[in-house]
PDB file of N, CA and C in Angstrom:
ATOM      1  N   MET A   1     111.226  96.165 115.895  1.00  0.00           N
ATOM      2  CA  MET A   1     110.631  95.930 114.595  1.00  0.00           C
ATOM      3  C   MET A   1     109.948  97.207 114.093  1.00  0.00           C
ATOM      4  N   ARG A   2     109.308  97.916 115.012  1.00  0.00           N
ATOM      5  CA  ARG A   2     108.615  99.142 114.622  1.00  0.00           C
ATOM      6  C   ARG A   2     109.584 100.180 114.053  1.00  0.00           C
ATOM      7  N   LYS A   3     110.724 100.330 114.713  1.00  0.00           N
ATOM      8  CA  LYS A   3     111.720 101.299 114.251  1.00  0.00           C
ATOM      9  C   LYS A   3     112.230 100.941 112.854  1.00  0.00           C
ATOM     10  N   ILE A   4     112.417  99.667 112.600  1.00  0.00           N
ATOM     11  CA  ILE A   4     112.903  99.225 111.293  1.00  0.00           C
ATOM     12  C   ILE A   4     111.861  99.497 110.211  1.00  0.00           C
ATOM     13  N   LEU A   5     110.591  99.246 110.521  1.00  0.00           N
ATOM     14  CA  LEU A   5     109.529  99.521 109.557  1.00  0.00           C
ATOM     15  C   LEU A   5     109.416 101.020 109.263  1.00  0.00           C
ATOM     16  N   ILE A   6     109.523 101.830 110.293  1.00  0.00           N
ATOM     17  CA  ILE A   6     109.461 103.283 110.108  1.00  0.00           C
ATOM     18  C   ILE A   6     110.655 103.762 109.286  1.00  0.00           C
ATOM     19  N   GLN A   7     111.837 103.224 109.564  1.00  0.00           N
ATOM     20  CA  GLN A   7     113.022 103.603 108.809  1.00  0.00           C
ATOM     21  C   GLN A   7     112.864 103.222 107.337  1.00  0.00           C
ATOM     22  N   GLY A   8     112.332 102.046 107.067  1.00  0.00           N
ATOM     23  CA  GLY A   8     112.076 101.641 105.688  1.00  0.00           C
ATOM     24  C   GLY A   8     111.040 102.521 105.018  1.00  0.00           C
ATOM     25  N   ALA A   9     110.034 102.933 105.771  1.00  0.00           N
ATOM     26  CA  ALA A   9     109.002 103.811 105.228  1.00  0.00           C
ATOM     27  C   ALA A   9     109.577 105.162 104.855  1.00  0.00           C
ATOM     28  N   TRP A  10     110.461 105.708 105.708  1.00  0.00           N
ATOM     29  CA  TRP A  10     111.089 106.988 105.391  1.00  0.00           C
ATOM     30  C   TRP A  10     111.954 106.870 104.136  1.00  0.00           C
ATOM     31  N   SER A  11     112.575 105.738 103.957  1.00  0.00           N
ATOM     32  CA  SER A  11     113.374 105.530 102.752  1.00  0.00           C
ATOM     33  C   SER A  11     112.486 105.527 101.508  1.00  0.00           C
ATOM     34  N   ILE A  12     111.345 104.885 101.591  1.00  0.00           N
ATOM     35  CA  ILE A  12     110.404 104.876 100.467  1.00  0.00           C
ATOM     36  C   ILE A  12     109.896 106.281 100.189  1.00  0.00           C
ATOM     37  N   ILE A  13     109.575 107.013 101.239  1.00  0.00           N
ATOM     38  CA  ILE A  13     109.074 108.378 101.071  1.00  0.00           C
ATOM     39  C   ILE A  13     110.142 109.283 100.471  1.00  0.00           C
ATOM     40  N   ARG A  14     111.372 109.104 100.912  1.00  0.00           N
ATOM     41  CA  ARG A  14     112.463 109.950 100.418  1.00  0.00           C
ATOM     42  C   ARG A  14     112.661 109.806  98.916  1.00  0.00           C
ATOM     43  N   TYR A  15     112.508 108.590  98.406  1.00  0.00           N
ATOM     44  CA  TYR A  15     112.738 108.335  96.989  1.00  0.00           C
ATOM     45  C   TYR A  15     111.450 108.089  96.208  1.00  0.00           C
ATOM     46  N   ALA A  16     110.320 108.428  96.755  1.00  0.00           N
ATOM     47  CA  ALA A  16     109.029 108.181  96.100  1.00  0.00           C
ATOM     48  C   ALA A  16     108.881 108.962  94.803  1.00  0.00           C
ATOM     49  N   ASP A  17     109.471 110.143  94.745  1.00  0.00           N
ATOM     50  CA  ASP A  17     109.338 110.955  93.536  1.00  0.00           C
ATOM     51  C   ASP A  17     110.133 110.386  92.366  1.00  0.00           C
ATOM     52  N   ARG A  18     111.095 109.526  92.647  1.00  0.00           N
ATOM     53  CA  ARG A  18     111.908 108.908  91.592  1.00  0.00           C
ATOM     54  C   ARG A  18     111.319 107.595  91.097  1.00  0.00           C
ATOM     55  N   GLY A  19     110.510 106.930  91.915  1.00  0.00           N
ATOM     56  CA  GLY A  19     109.988 105.617  91.561  1.00  0.00           C
ATOM     57  C   GLY A  19     108.663 105.695  90.823  1.00  0.00           C
ATOM     58  N   ASP A  20     108.427 104.714  89.973  1.00  0.00           N
ATOM     59  CA  ASP A  20     107.164 104.645  89.245  1.00  0.00           C
ATOM     60  C   ASP A  20     106.400 103.374  89.598  1.00  0.00           C
ATOM     61  N   ASP A  21     106.829 102.697  90.651  1.00  0.00           N
ATOM     62  CA  ASP A  21     106.122 101.495  91.066  1.00  0.00           C
ATOM     63  C   ASP A  21     104.857 101.872  91.838  1.00  0.00           C
ATOM     64  N   ARG A  22     104.041 100.899  92.087  1.00  0.00           N
ATOM     65  CA  ARG A  22     102.744 101.121  92.719  1.00  0.00           C
ATOM     66  C   ARG A  22     102.861 101.716  94.126  1.00  0.00           C
ATOM     67  N   LEU A  23     103.809 101.223  94.896  1.00  0.00           N
ATOM     68  CA  LEU A  23     103.987 101.713  96.261  1.00  0.00           C
ATOM     69  C   LEU A  23     104.459 103.165  96.273  1.00  0.00           C
ATOM     70  N   SER A  24     105.349 103.522  95.374  1.00  0.00           N
ATOM     71  CA  SER A  24     105.833 104.903  95.301  1.00  0.00           C
ATOM     72  C   SER A  24     104.725 105.865  94.884  1.00  0.00           C
ATOM     73  N   ARG A  25     103.915 105.454  93.922  1.00  0.00           N
ATOM     74  CA  ARG A  25     102.791 106.306  93.494  1.00  0.00           C
ATOM     75  C   ARG A  25     101.810 106.504  94.641  1.00  0.00           C
ATOM     76  N   TRP A  26     101.520 105.431  95.362  1.00  0.00           N
ATOM     77  CA  TRP A  26     100.607 105.513  96.500  1.00  0.00           C
ATOM     78  C   TRP A  26     101.178 106.431  97.581  1.00  0.00           C
ATOM     79  N   ALA A  27     102.480 106.299  97.833  1.00  0.00           N
ATOM     80  CA  ALA A  27     103.130 107.135  98.850  1.00  0.00           C
ATOM     81  C   ALA A  27     103.088 108.608  98.455  1.00  0.00           C
ATOM     82  N   ARG A  28     103.330 108.927  97.186  1.00  0.00           N
ATOM     83  CA  ARG A  28     103.270 110.320  96.730  1.00  0.00           C
ATOM     84  C   ARG A  28     101.881 110.907  96.939  1.00  0.00           C
ATOM     85  N   GLN A  29     100.844 110.152  96.593  1.00  0.00           N
ATOM     86  CA  GLN A  29      99.479 110.635  96.788  1.00  0.00           C
ATOM     87  C   GLN A  29      99.188 110.853  98.266  1.00  0.00           C
ATOM     88  N   LEU A  30      99.669 109.957  99.088  1.00  0.00           N
ATOM     89  CA  LEU A  30      99.452 110.059 100.529  1.00  0.00           C
ATOM     90  C   LEU A  30     100.176 111.267 101.116  1.00  0.00           C
ATOM     91  N   ILE A  31     101.379 111.536 100.653  1.00  0.00           N
ATOM     92  CA  ILE A  31     102.142 112.700 101.123  1.00  0.00           C
ATOM     93  C   ILE A  31     101.392 113.980 100.790  1.00  0.00           C
ATOM     94  N   GLU A  32     100.837 114.051  99.591  1.00  0.00           N
ATOM     95  CA  GLU A  32     100.089 115.247  99.189  1.00  0.00           C
ATOM     96  C   GLU A  32      98.854 115.459 100.054  1.00  0.00           C
ATOM     97  N   ARG A  33      98.182 114.369 100.409  1.00  0.00           N
ATOM     98  CA  ARG A  33      96.947 114.482 101.182  1.00  0.00           C
ATOM     99  C   ARG A  33      97.186 114.697 102.668  1.00  0.00           C
ATOM    100  N   ARG A  34      98.162 113.992 103.252  1.00  0.00           N
ATOM    101  CA  ARG A  34      98.304 113.956 104.712  1.00  0.00           C
ATOM    102  C   ARG A  34      99.593 114.531 105.265  1.00  0.00           C
ATOM    103  N   GLY A  35     100.607 114.673 104.431  1.00  0.00           N
ATOM    104  CA  GLY A  35     101.899 115.142 104.929  1.00  0.00           C
ATOM    105  C   GLY A  35     102.864 113.978 105.108  1.00  0.00           C
ATOM    106  N   LYS A  36     104.145 114.310 105.227  1.00  0.00           N
ATOM    107  CA  LYS A  36     105.180 113.278 105.254  1.00  0.00           C
ATOM    108  C   LYS A  36     105.159 112.414 106.515  1.00  0.00           C
ATOM    109  N   HIS A  37     104.887 113.005 107.659  1.00  0.00           N
ATOM    110  CA  HIS A  37     104.949 112.237 108.907  1.00  0.00           C
ATOM    111  C   HIS A  37     103.835 111.198 108.992  1.00  0.00           C
ATOM    112  N   LYS A  38     102.631 111.573 108.653  1.00  0.00           N
ATOM    113  CA  LYS A  38     101.537 110.602 108.670  1.00  0.00           C
ATOM    114  C   LYS A  38     101.700 109.583 107.556  1.00  0.00           C
ATOM    115  N   ALA A  39     102.255 110.023 106.436  1.00  0.00           N
ATOM    116  CA  ALA A  39     102.502 109.097 105.327  1.00  0.00           C
ATOM    117  C   ALA A  39     103.531 108.046 105.726  1.00  0.00           C
ATOM    118  N   ALA A  40     104.535 108.429 106.500  1.00  0.00           N
ATOM    119  CA  ALA A  40     105.550 107.468 106.944  1.00  0.00           C
ATOM    120  C   ALA A  40     104.927 106.368 107.784  1.00  0.00           C
ATOM    121  N   ILE A  41     104.016 106.727 108.662  1.00  0.00           N
ATOM    122  CA  ILE A  41     103.342 105.732 109.498  1.00  0.00           C
ATOM    123  C   ILE A  41     102.471 104.821 108.639  1.00  0.00           C
ATOM    124  N   ALA A  42     101.772 105.401 107.669  1.00  0.00           N
ATOM    125  CA  ALA A  42     100.906 104.608 106.794  1.00  0.00           C
ATOM    126  C   ALA A  42     101.726 103.664 105.916  1.00  0.00           C
ATOM    127  N   VAL A  43     102.857 104.129 105.408  1.00  0.00           N
ATOM    128  CA  VAL A  43     103.710 103.272 104.586  1.00  0.00           C
ATOM    129  C   VAL A  43     104.304 102.156 105.436  1.00  0.00           C
ATOM    130  N   ALA A  44     104.688 102.447 106.666  1.00  0.00           N
ATOM    131  CA  ALA A  44     105.204 101.406 107.567  1.00  0.00           C
ATOM    132  C   ALA A  44     104.132 100.347 107.826  1.00  0.00           C
ATOM    133  N   ASN A  45     102.897 100.791 108.001  1.00  0.00           N
ATOM    134  CA  ASN A  45     101.793  99.854 108.200  1.00  0.00           C
ATOM    135  C   ASN A  45     101.609  98.981 106.963  1.00  0.00           C
ATOM    136  N   LYS A  46     101.685  99.590 105.786  1.00  0.00           N
ATOM    137  CA  LYS A  46     101.545  98.838 104.547  1.00  0.00           C
ATOM    138  C   LYS A  46     102.692  97.829 104.393  1.00  0.00           C
ATOM    139  N   LEU A  47     103.906  98.244 104.755  1.00  0.00           N
ATOM    140  CA  LEU A  47     105.039  97.321 104.708  1.00  0.00           C
ATOM    141  C   LEU A  47     104.829  96.132 105.644  1.00  0.00           C
ATOM    142  N   ALA A  48     104.301  96.387 106.827  1.00  0.00           N
ATOM    143  CA  ALA A  48     104.030  95.306 107.780  1.00  0.00           C
ATOM    144  C   ALA A  48     103.003  94.334 107.214  1.00  0.00           C
ATOM    145  N   ARG A  49     101.978  94.866 106.552  1.00  0.00           N
ATOM    146  CA  ARG A  49     100.962  93.994 105.954  1.00  0.00           C
ATOM    147  C   ARG A  49     101.526  93.192 104.784  1.00  0.00           C
ATOM    148  N   ILE A  50     102.413  93.803 104.003  1.00  0.00           N
ATOM    149  CA  ILE A  50     103.056  93.083 102.902  1.00  0.00           C
ATOM    150  C   ILE A  50     103.930  91.953 103.453  1.00  0.00           C
ATOM    151  N   ILE A  51     104.710  92.252 104.487  1.00  0.00           N
ATOM    152  CA  ILE A  51     105.569  91.241 105.105  1.00  0.00           C
ATOM    153  C   ILE A  51     104.739  90.100 105.665  1.00  0.00           C
ATOM    154  N   TRP A  52     103.623  90.423 106.321  1.00  0.00           N
ATOM    155  CA  TRP A  52     102.761  89.377 106.869  1.00  0.00           C
ATOM    156  C   TRP A  52     102.208  88.488 105.758  1.00  0.00           C
ATOM    157  N   ALA A  53     101.732  89.088 104.671  1.00  0.00           N
ATOM    158  CA  ALA A  53     101.141  88.325 103.572  1.00  0.00           C
ATOM    159  C   ALA A  53     102.175  87.412 102.910  1.00  0.00           C
ATOM    160  N   ILE A  54     103.388  87.924 102.750  1.00  0.00           N
ATOM    161  CA  ILE A  54     104.447  87.112 102.143  1.00  0.00           C
ATOM    162  C   ILE A  54     104.773  85.912 103.027  1.00  0.00           C
ATOM    163  N   SER A  55     104.887  86.138 104.330  1.00  0.00           N
ATOM    164  CA  SER A  55     105.228  85.035 105.223  1.00  0.00           C
ATOM    165  C   SER A  55     104.061  84.064 105.391  1.00  0.00           C
ATOM    166  N   TYR A  56     102.846  84.558 105.412  1.00  0.00           N
ATOM    167  CA  TYR A  56     101.673  83.692 105.588  1.00  0.00           C
ATOM    168  C   TYR A  56     101.462  82.791 104.374  1.00  0.00           C
ATOM    169  N   HIS A  57     101.579  83.362 103.188  1.00  0.00           N
ATOM    170  CA  HIS A  57     101.324  82.608 101.956  1.00  0.00           C
ATOM    171  C   HIS A  57     102.569  81.928 101.406  1.00  0.00           C
ATOM    172  N   GLN A  58     103.720  82.129 102.081  1.00  0.00           N
ATOM    173  CA  GLN A  58     104.980  81.510 101.665  1.00  0.00           C
ATOM    174  C   GLN A  58     105.278  81.778 100.190  1.00  0.00           C
ATOM    175  N   THR A  59     105.223  83.055  99.798  1.00  0.00           N
ATOM    176  CA  THR A  59     105.490  83.444  98.429  1.00  0.00           C
ATOM    177  C   THR A  59     106.591  84.493  98.382  1.00  0.00           C
ATOM    178  N   ASP A  60     107.036  84.785  97.191  1.00  0.00           N
ATOM    179  CA  ASP A  60     108.003  85.859  96.985  1.00  0.00           C
ATOM    180  C   ASP A  60     107.256  87.157  96.740  1.00  0.00           C
ATOM    181  N   TYR A  61     107.929  88.268  96.984  1.00  0.00           N
ATOM    182  CA  TYR A  61     107.341  89.579  96.739  1.00  0.00           C
ATOM    183  C   TYR A  61     107.299  89.828  95.241  1.00  0.00           C
ATOM    184  N   LYS A  62     106.124  90.215  94.762  1.00  0.00           N
ATOM    185  CA  LYS A  62     105.946  90.519  93.340  1.00  0.00           C
ATOM    186  C   LYS A  62     105.417  91.933  93.229  1.00  0.00           C
ATOM    187  N   ALA A  63     106.290  92.856  92.880  1.00  0.00           N
ATOM    188  CA  ALA A  63     105.852  94.241  92.693  1.00  0.00           C
ATOM    189  C   ALA A  63     104.984  94.312  91.450  1.00  0.00           C
ATOM    190  N   ALA A  64     103.804  94.883  91.609  1.00  0.00           N
ATOM    191  CA  ALA A  64     102.880  94.940  90.472  1.00  0.00           C
ATOM    192  C   ALA A  64     103.231  96.067  89.540  1.00  0.00           C
TER     193      ALA A  64
END
């Protein structure tokens, strides 16, 4: 599961400069402050928390 989350995080980081959604903006700011490798771990953590919240509350993902 960890490898899948990290792989998804790298995908978000790779295309963060093209996206204007909230997660992409957050990832870009994080990359500037901490670098790509630490940002990948932080984005993977955020993805895990999003997945947990969706499954716990039995809702669909709503990108803000």
